[in-house]
Amino acid sequence: MMLNKALECSTAYLLLGGNLGDREGNLKSAVELLNEKIGKVVAVSSLYETAAWGKTDQPAFLNQAVVLQTNLSALEVLDHALSIEQELGRVRKDKWGERLIDIDLILFGNEIINIPDKLQVPHPHMQHRKFVMEPLAEIAPDVLHPILGETILAISRSIEDPLEVKKIMI
């Protein structure tokens, strides 16, 4: 029996972040909209505060990892995530610049996707950034990176990123 592709469910792993406005409120709104527009949110990490990465002369970021089940493709998840960013007031000015909200697709099941200038999954820099790996390791420690073949927890423990990532209890 053939399953309709639309009925197949995939697991998407996203990282949310923001350093402007009501950071916590923006992340909460993003999670609600992800659940409404992309798929069922099945896990949400604690909030983590980190100094800005890349462009350091800006406020600290709050980050949060989210796992959701979706019937959408990875490209559809990306398109909906970008739409949610706009709905929440994101304006893209500078690469790595300050923002109200950022939603990145980090992993999509065990898929490897490379669409130049559009989408790379797994996220090409995830294994080098504590602010991605620590929240993700909290809620998906045993998930395997489809290229590196290591668990998220193992990767998070081996990162040499000097930025302090501080778990916020809220």
N, C-alpha and C. Protein backbone atom coordinates (compact mmCIF):
# COMPACT_ATOMS: atom_id res chain seq x y z
N MET A 1 0.85 -1.19 0.00
CA MET A 1 0.00 0.00 0.00
C MET A 1 0.89 1.24 0.00
N MET A 2 0.63 2.15 -0.90
CA MET A 2 1.40 3.40 -1.00
C MET A 2 0.82 4.44 -0.05
N LEU A 3 1.68 5.07 0.70
CA LEU A 3 1.23 6.17 1.55
C LEU A 3 1.30 7.46 0.76
N ASN A 4 0.33 8.26 0.91
CA ASN A 4 0.34 9.58 0.29
C ASN A 4 1.43 10.41 0.95
N LYS A 5 2.30 11.02 0.16
CA LYS A 5 3.42 11.82 0.69
C LYS A 5 2.92 12.87 1.69
N ALA A 6 1.74 13.43 1.43
CA ALA A 6 1.20 14.48 2.30
C ALA A 6 0.89 13.96 3.69
N LEU A 7 0.70 12.63 3.82
CA LEU A 7 0.36 12.06 5.12
C LEU A 7 1.61 11.69 5.93
N GLU A 8 2.76 11.67 5.28
CA GLU A 8 3.99 11.33 5.97
C GLU A 8 4.39 12.46 6.92
N CYS A 9 4.84 12.07 8.09
CA CYS A 9 5.22 13.07 9.08
C CYS A 9 6.74 13.09 9.22
N SER A 10 7.29 14.28 9.27
CA SER A 10 8.73 14.46 9.46
C SER A 10 8.96 15.23 10.76
N THR A 11 10.15 15.06 11.30
CA THR A 11 10.53 15.79 12.50
C THR A 11 11.46 16.93 12.10
N ALA A 12 11.07 18.14 12.46
CA ALA A 12 11.88 19.33 12.18
C ALA A 12 12.43 19.86 13.50
N TYR A 13 13.71 20.24 13.46
CA TYR A 13 14.40 20.80 14.62
C TYR A 13 14.76 22.24 14.26
N LEU A 14 14.25 23.18 15.05
CA LEU A 14 14.46 24.59 14.75
C LEU A 14 15.13 25.28 15.92
N LEU A 15 15.83 26.37 15.62
CA LEU A 15 16.37 27.22 16.66
C LEU A 15 15.74 28.59 16.50
N LEU A 16 15.20 29.09 17.60
CA LEU A 16 14.62 30.43 17.64
C LEU A 16 15.58 31.34 18.38
N GLY A 17 15.62 32.59 17.99
CA GLY A 17 16.46 33.54 18.69
C GLY A 17 15.98 34.95 18.46
N GLY A 18 16.40 35.84 19.34
CA GLY A 18 16.09 37.25 19.20
C GLY A 18 16.79 38.05 20.27
N ASN A 19 17.08 39.32 19.94
CA ASN A 19 17.76 40.17 20.93
C ASN A 19 17.18 41.57 21.00
N LEU A 20 15.99 41.75 20.45
CA LEU A 20 15.32 43.06 20.52
C LEU A 20 13.93 42.90 21.10
N GLY A 21 13.43 43.96 21.69
CA GLY A 21 12.07 43.97 22.20
C GLY A 21 11.87 43.00 23.35
N ASP A 22 10.67 42.45 23.43
CA ASP A 22 10.32 41.47 24.46
C ASP A 22 10.84 40.11 23.97
N ARG A 23 12.10 39.83 24.26
CA ARG A 23 12.74 38.62 23.73
C ARG A 23 11.96 37.35 24.09
N GLU A 24 11.61 37.21 25.35
CA GLU A 24 10.88 36.02 25.79
C GLU A 24 9.50 35.95 25.13
N GLY A 25 8.81 37.08 25.08
CA GLY A 25 7.48 37.12 24.45
C GLY A 25 7.54 36.79 22.96
N ASN A 26 8.59 37.27 22.29
CA ASN A 26 8.74 36.98 20.86
C ASN A 26 8.96 35.49 20.62
N LEU A 27 9.77 34.86 21.47
CA LEU A 27 10.00 33.42 21.33
C LEU A 27 8.71 32.64 21.59
N LYS A 28 7.97 33.05 22.60
CA LYS A 28 6.70 32.39 22.92
C LYS A 28 5.72 32.52 21.75
N SER A 29 5.62 33.71 21.18
CA SER A 29 4.74 33.91 20.02
C SER A 29 5.17 33.06 18.84
N ALA A 30 6.47 32.97 18.63
CA ALA A 30 6.99 32.16 17.52
C ALA A 30 6.61 30.69 17.71
N VAL A 31 6.75 30.17 18.93
CA VAL A 31 6.39 28.77 19.19
C VAL A 31 4.90 28.55 18.91
N GLU A 32 4.06 29.48 19.34
CA GLU A 32 2.61 29.36 19.10
C GLU A 32 2.31 29.35 17.60
N LEU A 33 2.97 30.23 16.84
CA LEU A 33 2.73 30.29 15.40
C LEU A 33 3.31 29.07 14.68
N LEU A 34 4.44 28.55 15.14
CA LEU A 34 4.97 27.31 14.56
C LEU A 34 3.98 26.18 14.73
N ASN A 35 3.41 26.08 15.93
CA ASN A 35 2.44 25.04 16.23
C ASN A 35 1.19 25.18 15.37
N GLU A 36 0.80 26.41 15.11
CA GLU A 36 -0.41 26.70 14.34
C GLU A 36 -0.20 26.51 12.84
N LYS A 37 0.97 26.90 12.32
CA LYS A 37 1.16 26.99 10.87
C LYS A 37 2.05 25.91 10.25
N ILE A 38 2.89 25.26 11.07
CA ILE A 38 3.85 24.31 10.49
C ILE A 38 3.60 22.88 10.95
N GLY A 39 3.38 22.69 12.22
CA GLY A 39 3.17 21.34 12.72
C GLY A 39 3.09 21.32 14.22
N LYS A 40 2.87 20.14 14.77
CA LYS A 40 2.70 19.99 16.21
C LYS A 40 4.04 20.12 16.93
N VAL A 41 4.14 21.11 17.81
CA VAL A 41 5.34 21.28 18.63
C VAL A 41 5.32 20.17 19.68
N VAL A 42 6.38 19.35 19.69
CA VAL A 42 6.46 18.22 20.61
C VAL A 42 7.49 18.41 21.71
N ALA A 43 8.39 19.38 21.54
CA ALA A 43 9.39 19.67 22.59
C ALA A 43 9.90 21.09 22.41
N VAL A 44 10.12 21.75 23.54
CA VAL A 44 10.65 23.11 23.56
C VAL A 44 11.71 23.16 24.66
N SER A 45 12.89 23.67 24.33
CA SER A 45 13.96 23.76 25.33
C SER A 45 13.72 24.92 26.29
N SER A 46 14.55 24.97 27.30
CA SER A 46 14.63 26.15 28.15
C SER A 46 15.11 27.32 27.31
N LEU A 47 15.10 28.50 27.89
CA LEU A 47 15.67 29.67 27.22
C LEU A 47 17.14 29.77 27.59
N TYR A 48 17.94 30.17 26.61
CA TYR A 48 19.39 30.32 26.81
C TYR A 48 19.79 31.71 26.37
N GLU A 49 20.60 32.38 27.19
CA GLU A 49 21.08 33.71 26.83
C GLU A 49 22.54 33.62 26.42
N THR A 50 22.85 34.31 25.31
CA THR A 50 24.20 34.26 24.75
C THR A 50 24.56 35.64 24.21
N ALA A 51 25.81 36.02 24.39
CA ALA A 51 26.30 37.24 23.73
C ALA A 51 26.16 37.07 22.22
N ALA A 52 26.01 38.16 21.53
CA ALA A 52 25.86 38.11 20.07
C ALA A 52 27.06 37.43 19.43
N TRP A 53 26.79 36.64 18.40
CA TRP A 53 27.80 35.90 17.66
C TRP A 53 27.98 36.56 16.30
N GLY A 54 29.19 36.67 15.82
CA GLY A 54 29.42 37.24 14.49
C GLY A 54 29.56 38.74 14.51
N LYS A 55 28.49 39.42 14.85
CA LYS A 55 28.48 40.88 14.99
C LYS A 55 28.23 41.16 16.47
N THR A 56 29.27 41.49 17.20
CA THR A 56 29.21 41.46 18.66
C THR A 56 28.76 42.76 19.34
N ASP A 57 28.61 43.85 18.60
CA ASP A 57 28.24 45.13 19.21
C ASP A 57 26.72 45.30 19.25
N GLN A 58 26.05 44.37 19.89
CA GLN A 58 24.60 44.40 19.98
C GLN A 58 24.16 43.66 21.24
N PRO A 59 22.88 43.78 21.62
CA PRO A 59 22.41 43.11 22.84
C PRO A 59 22.52 41.59 22.77
N ALA A 60 22.52 40.96 23.94
CA ALA A 60 22.56 39.50 24.03
C ALA A 60 21.29 38.89 23.45
N PHE A 61 21.42 37.67 22.95
CA PHE A 61 20.30 36.93 22.38
C PHE A 61 19.70 35.98 23.38
N LEU A 62 18.39 35.74 23.28
CA LEU A 62 17.75 34.59 23.90
C LEU A 62 17.54 33.59 22.78
N ASN A 63 17.86 32.32 23.06
CA ASN A 63 17.67 31.26 22.09
C ASN A 63 16.86 30.13 22.70
N GLN A 64 16.19 29.39 21.83
CA GLN A 64 15.37 28.27 22.27
C GLN A 64 15.27 27.28 21.11
N ALA A 65 15.42 26.00 21.40
CA ALA A 65 15.25 24.96 20.39
C ALA A 65 13.83 24.42 20.46
N VAL A 66 13.32 24.03 19.29
CA VAL A 66 11.96 23.51 19.18
C VAL A 66 11.99 22.28 18.27
N VAL A 67 11.26 21.24 18.67
CA VAL A 67 11.07 20.07 17.83
C VAL A 67 9.61 20.00 17.48
N LEU A 68 9.33 19.80 16.18
CA LEU A 68 7.94 19.67 15.78
C LEU A 68 7.76 18.57 14.76
N GLN A 69 6.55 18.04 14.72
CA GLN A 69 6.15 17.04 13.74
C GLN A 69 5.35 17.77 12.67
N THR A 70 5.70 17.52 11.40
CA THR A 70 5.05 18.25 10.32
C THR A 70 4.82 17.36 9.11
N ASN A 71 3.79 17.69 8.36
CA ASN A 71 3.53 17.04 7.08
C ASN A 71 4.14 17.83 5.93
N LEU A 72 4.76 18.96 6.24
CA LEU A 72 5.35 19.83 5.22
C LEU A 72 6.74 19.35 4.83
N SER A 73 7.18 19.77 3.65
CA SER A 73 8.56 19.52 3.24
C SER A 73 9.49 20.51 3.95
N ALA A 74 10.78 20.26 3.88
CA ALA A 74 11.74 21.17 4.50
C ALA A 74 11.64 22.57 3.89
N LEU A 75 11.48 22.67 2.58
CA LEU A 75 11.34 23.99 1.95
C LEU A 75 10.07 24.70 2.39
N GLU A 76 8.99 23.94 2.56
CA GLU A 76 7.75 24.55 3.05
C GLU A 76 7.92 25.02 4.49
N VAL A 77 8.62 24.24 5.31
CA VAL A 77 8.89 24.66 6.70
C VAL A 77 9.67 25.97 6.68
N LEU A 78 10.71 26.04 5.85
CA LEU A 78 11.51 27.26 5.74
C LEU A 78 10.64 28.45 5.32
N ASP A 79 9.83 28.26 4.29
CA ASP A 79 8.98 29.36 3.81
C ASP A 79 8.01 29.84 4.89
N HIS A 80 7.40 28.90 5.61
CA HIS A 80 6.48 29.28 6.69
C HIS A 80 7.24 29.97 7.84
N ALA A 81 8.43 29.49 8.15
CA ALA A 81 9.24 30.11 9.21
C ALA A 81 9.57 31.55 8.85
N LEU A 82 9.96 31.79 7.61
CA LEU A 82 10.26 33.16 7.16
C LEU A 82 9.01 34.04 7.24
N SER A 83 7.86 33.47 6.89
CA SER A 83 6.60 34.20 6.99
C SER A 83 6.27 34.55 8.44
N ILE A 84 6.52 33.62 9.35
CA ILE A 84 6.29 33.87 10.78
C ILE A 84 7.22 34.98 11.27
N GLU A 85 8.48 34.95 10.84
CA GLU A 85 9.40 36.02 11.21
C GLU A 85 8.84 37.38 10.80
N GLN A 86 8.35 37.47 9.57
CA GLN A 86 7.78 38.74 9.09
C GLN A 86 6.55 39.13 9.89
N GLU A 87 5.69 38.16 10.17
CA GLU A 87 4.48 38.42 10.94
C GLU A 87 4.81 38.99 12.32
N LEU A 88 5.93 38.55 12.88
CA LEU A 88 6.34 39.02 14.20
C LEU A 88 7.20 40.28 14.15
N GLY A 89 7.39 40.83 12.94
CA GLY A 89 8.05 42.13 12.82
C GLY A 89 9.51 42.10 12.44
N ARG A 90 10.02 40.96 11.99
CA ARG A 90 11.43 40.88 11.61
C ARG A 90 11.70 41.72 10.37
N VAL A 91 12.76 42.49 10.46
CA VAL A 91 13.26 43.26 9.32
C VAL A 91 14.71 42.83 9.12
N ARG A 92 15.03 42.37 7.92
CA ARG A 92 16.40 41.91 7.64
C ARG A 92 17.22 43.09 7.16
N LYS A 93 18.26 43.43 7.96
CA LYS A 93 19.15 44.54 7.59
C LYS A 93 20.57 44.02 7.42
N ASP A 94 21.18 43.60 8.51
CA ASP A 94 22.57 43.16 8.49
C ASP A 94 22.67 41.67 8.76
N LYS A 95 23.59 41.00 8.05
CA LYS A 95 23.86 39.61 8.37
C LYS A 95 24.37 39.56 9.81
N TRP A 96 23.81 38.66 10.60
CA TRP A 96 24.14 38.48 12.01
C TRP A 96 23.77 39.71 12.84
N GLY A 97 22.92 40.58 12.29
CA GLY A 97 22.53 41.78 13.01
C GLY A 97 21.43 41.51 14.03
N GLU A 98 21.11 42.56 14.79
CA GLU A 98 20.08 42.44 15.81
C GLU A 98 18.73 42.19 15.14
N ARG A 99 17.84 41.52 15.89
CA ARG A 99 16.55 41.15 15.32
C ARG A 99 15.53 40.84 16.41
N LEU A 100 14.27 41.04 16.08
CA LEU A 100 13.20 40.68 16.99
C LEU A 100 13.07 39.16 17.09
N ILE A 101 13.20 38.48 15.96
CA ILE A 101 13.03 37.03 15.93
C ILE A 101 13.83 36.45 14.76
N ASP A 102 14.36 35.27 15.00
CA ASP A 102 15.05 34.52 13.96
C ASP A 102 14.63 33.07 14.14
N ILE A 103 14.26 32.43 13.05
CA ILE A 103 13.86 31.02 13.09
C ILE A 103 14.70 30.28 12.06
N ASP A 104 15.56 29.38 12.54
CA ASP A 104 16.43 28.62 11.65
C ASP A 104 16.04 27.14 11.68
N LEU A 105 15.97 26.55 10.50
CA LEU A 105 15.77 25.11 10.38
C LEU A 105 17.15 24.46 10.53
N ILE A 106 17.33 23.69 11.60
CA ILE A 106 18.63 23.12 11.93
C ILE A 106 18.76 21.70 11.37
N LEU A 107 17.77 20.87 11.62
CA LEU A 107 17.73 19.50 11.11
C LEU A 107 16.32 19.21 10.62
N PHE A 108 16.22 18.30 9.67
CA PHE A 108 14.91 17.86 9.17
C PHE A 108 14.99 16.34 9.04
N GLY A 109 14.54 15.66 10.11
CA GLY A 109 14.70 14.21 10.16
C GLY A 109 16.18 13.89 10.01
N ASN A 110 16.49 12.91 9.17
CA ASN A 110 17.89 12.60 8.90
C ASN A 110 18.28 13.02 7.48
N GLU A 111 17.51 13.96 6.92
CA GLU A 111 17.75 14.41 5.55
C GLU A 111 18.98 15.30 5.44
N ILE A 112 19.61 15.22 4.28
CA ILE A 112 20.70 16.11 3.91
C ILE A 112 20.21 16.87 2.68
N ILE A 113 20.10 18.18 2.82
CA ILE A 113 19.53 19.02 1.76
C ILE A 113 20.51 20.14 1.47
N ASN A 114 20.80 20.36 0.19
CA ASN A 114 21.67 21.46 -0.21
C ASN A 114 21.09 22.14 -1.44
N ILE A 115 20.38 23.22 -1.19
CA ILE A 115 19.83 24.05 -2.26
C ILE A 115 20.56 25.39 -2.15
N PRO A 116 21.57 25.62 -3.00
CA PRO A 116 22.41 26.82 -2.87
C PRO A 116 21.59 28.10 -2.74
N ASP A 117 22.02 28.95 -1.81
CA ASP A 117 21.41 30.25 -1.54
C ASP A 117 19.96 30.16 -1.05
N LYS A 118 19.51 28.95 -0.65
CA LYS A 118 18.14 28.80 -0.17
C LYS A 118 18.08 28.01 1.14
N LEU A 119 18.62 26.78 1.12
CA LEU A 119 18.47 25.92 2.29
C LEU A 119 19.58 24.89 2.35
N GLN A 120 20.21 24.80 3.53
CA GLN A 120 21.17 23.73 3.81
C GLN A 120 20.76 23.07 5.11
N VAL A 121 20.54 21.76 5.04
CA VAL A 121 20.19 20.97 6.22
C VAL A 121 21.05 19.72 6.17
N PRO A 122 21.72 19.38 7.27
CA PRO A 122 21.78 20.09 8.53
C PRO A 122 22.38 21.49 8.35
N HIS A 123 22.00 22.38 9.29
CA HIS A 123 22.54 23.74 9.25
C HIS A 123 24.06 23.62 9.23
N PRO A 124 24.72 24.28 8.27
CA PRO A 124 26.16 24.06 8.07
C PRO A 124 27.07 24.48 9.22
N HIS A 125 26.59 25.32 10.13
CA HIS A 125 27.46 25.81 11.21
C HIS A 125 27.01 25.33 12.59
N MET A 126 25.98 24.52 12.64
CA MET A 126 25.41 24.12 13.93
C MET A 126 26.44 23.53 14.88
N GLN A 127 27.33 22.68 14.37
CA GLN A 127 28.28 21.97 15.23
C GLN A 127 29.39 22.86 15.77
N HIS A 128 29.40 24.13 15.37
CA HIS A 128 30.42 25.08 15.85
C HIS A 128 29.85 26.11 16.83
N ARG A 129 28.56 26.06 17.09
CA ARG A 129 27.91 27.12 17.88
C ARG A 129 27.20 26.56 19.10
N LYS A 130 27.71 26.92 20.27
CA LYS A 130 27.10 26.48 21.52
C LYS A 130 25.65 26.92 21.63
N PHE A 131 25.36 28.14 21.17
CA PHE A 131 24.00 28.66 21.33
C PHE A 131 22.98 27.87 20.52
N VAL A 132 23.43 27.08 19.56
CA VAL A 132 22.55 26.16 18.83
C VAL A 132 22.53 24.80 19.53
N MET A 133 23.70 24.28 19.82
CA MET A 133 23.82 22.90 20.28
C MET A 133 23.34 22.68 21.70
N GLU A 134 23.55 23.63 22.61
CA GLU A 134 23.12 23.40 23.99
C GLU A 134 21.60 23.31 24.13
N PRO A 135 20.82 24.24 23.55
CA PRO A 135 19.36 24.07 23.63
C PRO A 135 18.89 22.80 22.91
N LEU A 136 19.50 22.51 21.76
CA LEU A 136 19.11 21.31 21.01
C LEU A 136 19.45 20.04 21.79
N ALA A 137 20.60 20.02 22.44
CA ALA A 137 21.00 18.85 23.23
C ALA A 137 20.06 18.61 24.41
N GLU A 138 19.45 19.68 24.92
CA GLU A 138 18.51 19.53 26.03
C GLU A 138 17.29 18.71 25.62
N ILE A 139 16.81 18.89 24.40
CA ILE A 139 15.55 18.25 23.98
C ILE A 139 15.73 17.14 22.94
N ALA A 140 16.92 17.01 22.37
CA ALA A 140 17.15 15.98 21.36
C ALA A 140 18.57 15.41 21.49
N PRO A 141 18.96 14.98 22.68
CA PRO A 141 20.36 14.58 22.91
C PRO A 141 20.81 13.38 22.08
N ASP A 142 19.91 12.45 21.78
CA ASP A 142 20.29 11.21 21.11
C ASP A 142 20.11 11.25 19.60
N VAL A 143 19.64 12.37 19.07
CA VAL A 143 19.47 12.50 17.62
C VAL A 143 20.85 12.53 16.97
N LEU A 144 20.99 11.82 15.88
CA LEU A 144 22.27 11.77 15.16
C LEU A 144 22.35 12.85 14.10
N HIS A 145 23.49 13.52 14.05
CA HIS A 145 23.77 14.46 12.96
C HIS A 145 23.95 13.59 11.71
N PRO A 146 23.17 13.82 10.64
CA PRO A 146 23.20 12.91 9.50
C PRO A 146 24.50 12.91 8.69
N ILE A 147 25.35 13.89 8.88
CA ILE A 147 26.63 13.91 8.17
C ILE A 147 27.75 13.46 9.10
N LEU A 148 27.78 14.01 10.31
CA LEU A 148 28.86 13.70 11.24
C LEU A 148 28.70 12.34 11.92
N GLY A 149 27.47 11.84 11.98
CA GLY A 149 27.23 10.54 12.59
C GLY A 149 27.39 10.52 14.10
N GLU A 150 27.40 11.68 14.74
CA GLU A 150 27.51 11.78 16.19
C GLU A 150 26.20 12.32 16.75
N THR A 151 25.95 12.02 18.03
CA THR A 151 24.73 12.54 18.65
C THR A 151 24.86 14.04 18.91
N ILE A 152 23.72 14.67 19.03
CA ILE A 152 23.69 16.10 19.34
C ILE A 152 24.41 16.35 20.67
N LEU A 153 24.18 15.50 21.66
CA LEU A 153 24.82 15.67 22.96
C LEU A 153 26.34 15.57 22.84
N ALA A 154 26.84 14.58 22.11
CA ALA A 154 28.29 14.43 21.95
C ALA A 154 28.90 15.64 21.25
N ILE A 155 28.23 16.13 20.23
CA ILE A 155 28.73 17.31 19.51
C ILE A 155 28.73 18.52 20.45
N SER A 156 27.65 18.68 21.21
CA SER A 156 27.56 19.86 22.10
C SER A 156 28.66 19.85 23.15
N ARG A 157 29.09 18.69 23.57
CA ARG A 157 30.14 18.59 24.58
C ARG A 157 31.54 18.82 24.03
N SER A 158 31.68 18.78 22.70
CA SER A 158 33.01 18.92 22.11
C SER A 158 33.26 20.28 21.44
N ILE A 159 32.29 21.17 21.51
CA ILE A 159 32.42 22.48 20.86
C ILE A 159 33.44 23.35 21.58
N GLU A 160 34.24 24.05 20.81
CA GLU A 160 35.24 24.95 21.38
C GLU A 160 34.83 26.41 21.27
N ASP A 161 33.57 26.68 20.99
CA ASP A 161 33.03 28.03 20.90
C ASP A 161 33.25 28.74 22.25
N PRO A 162 33.91 29.91 22.25
CA PRO A 162 34.21 30.60 23.50
C PRO A 162 33.02 31.36 24.12
N LEU A 163 31.93 31.54 23.37
CA LEU A 163 30.81 32.30 23.91
C LEU A 163 30.12 31.51 25.03
N GLU A 164 29.86 32.20 26.13
CA GLU A 164 29.14 31.59 27.23
C GLU A 164 27.66 31.51 26.88
N VAL A 165 27.08 30.35 27.09
CA VAL A 165 25.66 30.14 26.88
C VAL A 165 25.07 29.86 28.27
N LYS A 166 24.15 30.73 28.70
CA LYS A 166 23.62 30.64 30.06
C LYS A 166 22.15 30.24 30.02
N LYS A 167 21.84 29.11 30.66
CA LYS A 167 20.45 28.66 30.74
C LYS A 167 19.68 29.58 31.66
N ILE A 168 18.54 30.06 31.19
CA ILE A 168 17.70 30.98 31.96
C ILE A 168 16.50 30.18 32.50
N MET A 169 16.30 30.20 33.78
CA MET A 169 15.15 29.49 34.37
C MET A 169 13.97 30.45 34.46
N ILE A 170 12.97 30.22 33.61
CA ILE A 170 11.79 31.11 33.62
C ILE A 170 10.54 30.24 33.71
